[in-house]
Amino acid sequence: MAKFRGRGGMPNMNNMMKQMQKMQRELEKSQQEMEERIFTASAGGGSIEIKANGKNEILEVKIDPDVVDSEDMEMLEDLILVAVNDVLNKIEDENQKQVGKLTGGMNIPGL
């Protein structure tokens, strides 16, 4: 980590502010890249596939016609829920990983 020492051993606020601004720019860039990424998850052995972007927007839902059974709609609904939750968890995990890289594991409120 960079040393922020100025006169008399006091932290050099200019250097600290520059470091914080750099971190903010990197976080903004990482967030932009994250929002553009496409994440995919599936359930039921691939019979349900969900695509979402890094903004947690569902872009596409694919359902294999073989799993559509009007007698068992509950199973289809459950598979869709599993796939949606899985893709959203993948996005959250990647967000946490990217923020962790930039902050060096520091716990910064609001990130």
Protein backbone atom coordinates (compact mmCIF):
# COMPACT_ATOMS: atom_id res chain seq x y z
CA MET A 1 0.00 0.00 0.00
CA ALA A 2 1.20 3.52 -0.74
CA LYS A 3 2.69 5.57 2.05
CA PHE A 4 0.89 8.79 2.80
CA ARG A 5 3.51 10.64 4.81
CA GLY A 6 4.01 14.36 4.61
CA ARG A 7 5.64 16.80 6.98
CA GLY A 8 6.09 15.66 10.55
CA GLY A 9 4.86 12.15 9.82
CA MET A 10 1.27 13.35 9.25
CA PRO A 11 -0.66 11.74 6.42
CA ASN A 12 -0.34 13.58 3.15
CA MET A 13 -3.98 14.33 2.31
CA ASN A 14 -3.24 15.15 -1.34
CA ASN A 15 -1.75 11.71 -1.96
CA MET A 16 -4.58 10.04 -0.08
CA MET A 17 -7.18 11.94 -2.13
CA LYS A 18 -5.41 11.01 -5.38
CA GLN A 19 -5.45 7.35 -4.37
CA MET A 20 -9.16 7.52 -3.49
CA GLN A 21 -9.97 9.23 -6.81
CA LYS A 22 -8.01 6.57 -8.68
CA MET A 23 -9.88 3.83 -6.83
CA GLN A 24 -13.19 5.53 -7.64
CA ARG A 25 -12.33 5.68 -11.36
CA GLU A 26 -11.33 2.02 -11.32
CA LEU A 27 -14.55 1.07 -9.54
CA GLU A 28 -16.62 3.01 -12.09
CA LYS A 29 -14.80 1.30 -14.96
CA SER A 30 -15.26 -2.10 -13.36
CA GLN A 31 -18.96 -1.41 -12.80
CA GLN A 32 -19.41 -0.39 -16.45
CA GLU A 33 -17.67 -3.56 -17.63
CA MET A 34 -19.76 -5.62 -15.24
CA GLU A 35 -23.02 -4.14 -16.53
CA GLU A 36 -22.08 -5.13 -20.09
CA ARG A 37 -21.27 -8.76 -19.23
CA ILE A 38 -23.74 -11.53 -19.99
CA PHE A 39 -24.27 -14.29 -17.42
CA THR A 40 -25.96 -17.62 -18.10
CA ALA A 41 -27.43 -20.21 -15.76
CA SER A 42 -29.50 -23.30 -16.31
CA ALA A 43 -31.62 -25.79 -14.41
CA GLY A 44 -33.09 -29.20 -15.07
CA GLY A 45 -30.03 -30.43 -16.93
CA GLY A 46 -30.16 -27.50 -19.31
CA SER A 47 -33.89 -27.66 -19.98
CA ILE A 48 -34.24 -24.11 -18.64
CA GLU A 49 -31.64 -21.46 -19.52
CA ILE A 50 -31.59 -17.88 -18.29
CA LYS A 51 -29.38 -15.07 -19.57
CA ALA A 52 -28.95 -11.82 -17.65
CA ASN A 53 -26.65 -8.84 -17.76
CA GLY A 54 -24.60 -7.37 -14.93
CA LYS A 55 -27.42 -4.94 -14.16
CA ASN A 56 -29.53 -7.89 -12.99
CA GLU A 57 -31.79 -7.61 -16.02
CA ILE A 58 -33.09 -10.90 -17.39
CA LEU A 59 -32.39 -10.85 -21.13
CA GLU A 60 -33.55 -14.24 -22.26
CA VAL A 61 -35.44 -17.28 -21.02
CA LYS A 62 -35.19 -20.52 -23.00
CA ILE A 63 -37.43 -23.46 -22.16
CA ASP A 64 -37.02 -26.87 -23.74
CA PRO A 65 -40.49 -27.83 -24.98
CA ASP A 66 -40.02 -31.32 -23.52
CA VAL A 67 -40.31 -29.94 -19.96
CA VAL A 68 -43.59 -28.17 -20.62
CA ASP A 69 -46.24 -30.37 -19.07
CA SER A 70 -49.59 -28.76 -18.38
CA GLU A 71 -50.12 -31.39 -15.68
CA ASP A 72 -46.96 -30.34 -13.82
CA MET A 73 -46.58 -26.56 -14.15
CA GLU A 74 -45.18 -26.42 -10.61
CA MET A 75 -42.03 -28.28 -11.71
CA LEU A 76 -41.52 -25.86 -14.60
CA GLU A 77 -41.99 -22.88 -12.28
CA ASP A 78 -39.49 -24.36 -9.82
CA LEU A 79 -36.91 -24.89 -12.57
CA ILE A 80 -37.30 -21.30 -13.73
CA LEU A 81 -36.85 -20.03 -10.17
CA VAL A 82 -33.72 -22.12 -9.71
CA ALA A 83 -32.19 -20.83 -12.94
CA VAL A 84 -33.09 -17.18 -12.26
CA ASN A 85 -31.69 -17.30 -8.73
CA ASP A 86 -28.56 -19.03 -9.98
CA VAL A 87 -27.83 -16.39 -12.62
CA LEU A 88 -28.46 -13.57 -10.12
CA ASN A 89 -26.09 -15.23 -7.62
CA LYS A 90 -23.41 -15.49 -10.34
CA ILE A 91 -23.73 -11.76 -10.99
CA GLU A 92 -23.49 -10.93 -7.28
CA ASP A 93 -20.46 -13.20 -6.82
CA GLU A 94 -18.68 -11.57 -9.75
CA ASN A 95 -19.51 -8.10 -8.43
CA GLN A 96 -18.04 -8.98 -5.04
CA LYS A 97 -14.92 -10.44 -6.67
CA GLN A 98 -14.36 -7.31 -8.79
CA VAL A 99 -14.86 -4.91 -5.87
CA GLY A 100 -12.55 -7.03 -3.70
CA LYS A 101 -9.79 -6.81 -6.31
CA LEU A 102 -10.02 -3.03 -6.41
CA THR A 103 -10.34 -2.39 -2.70
CA GLY A 104 -7.75 -4.94 -1.66
CA GLY A 105 -10.26 -6.49 0.73
CA MET A 106 -10.89 -3.24 2.60
CA ASN A 107 -14.46 -2.97 3.85
CA ILE A 108 -15.64 0.33 2.37
CA PRO A 109 -19.22 1.22 3.29
CA GLY A 110 -21.57 1.40 0.33
CA LEU A 111 -19.54 -0.94 -1.92
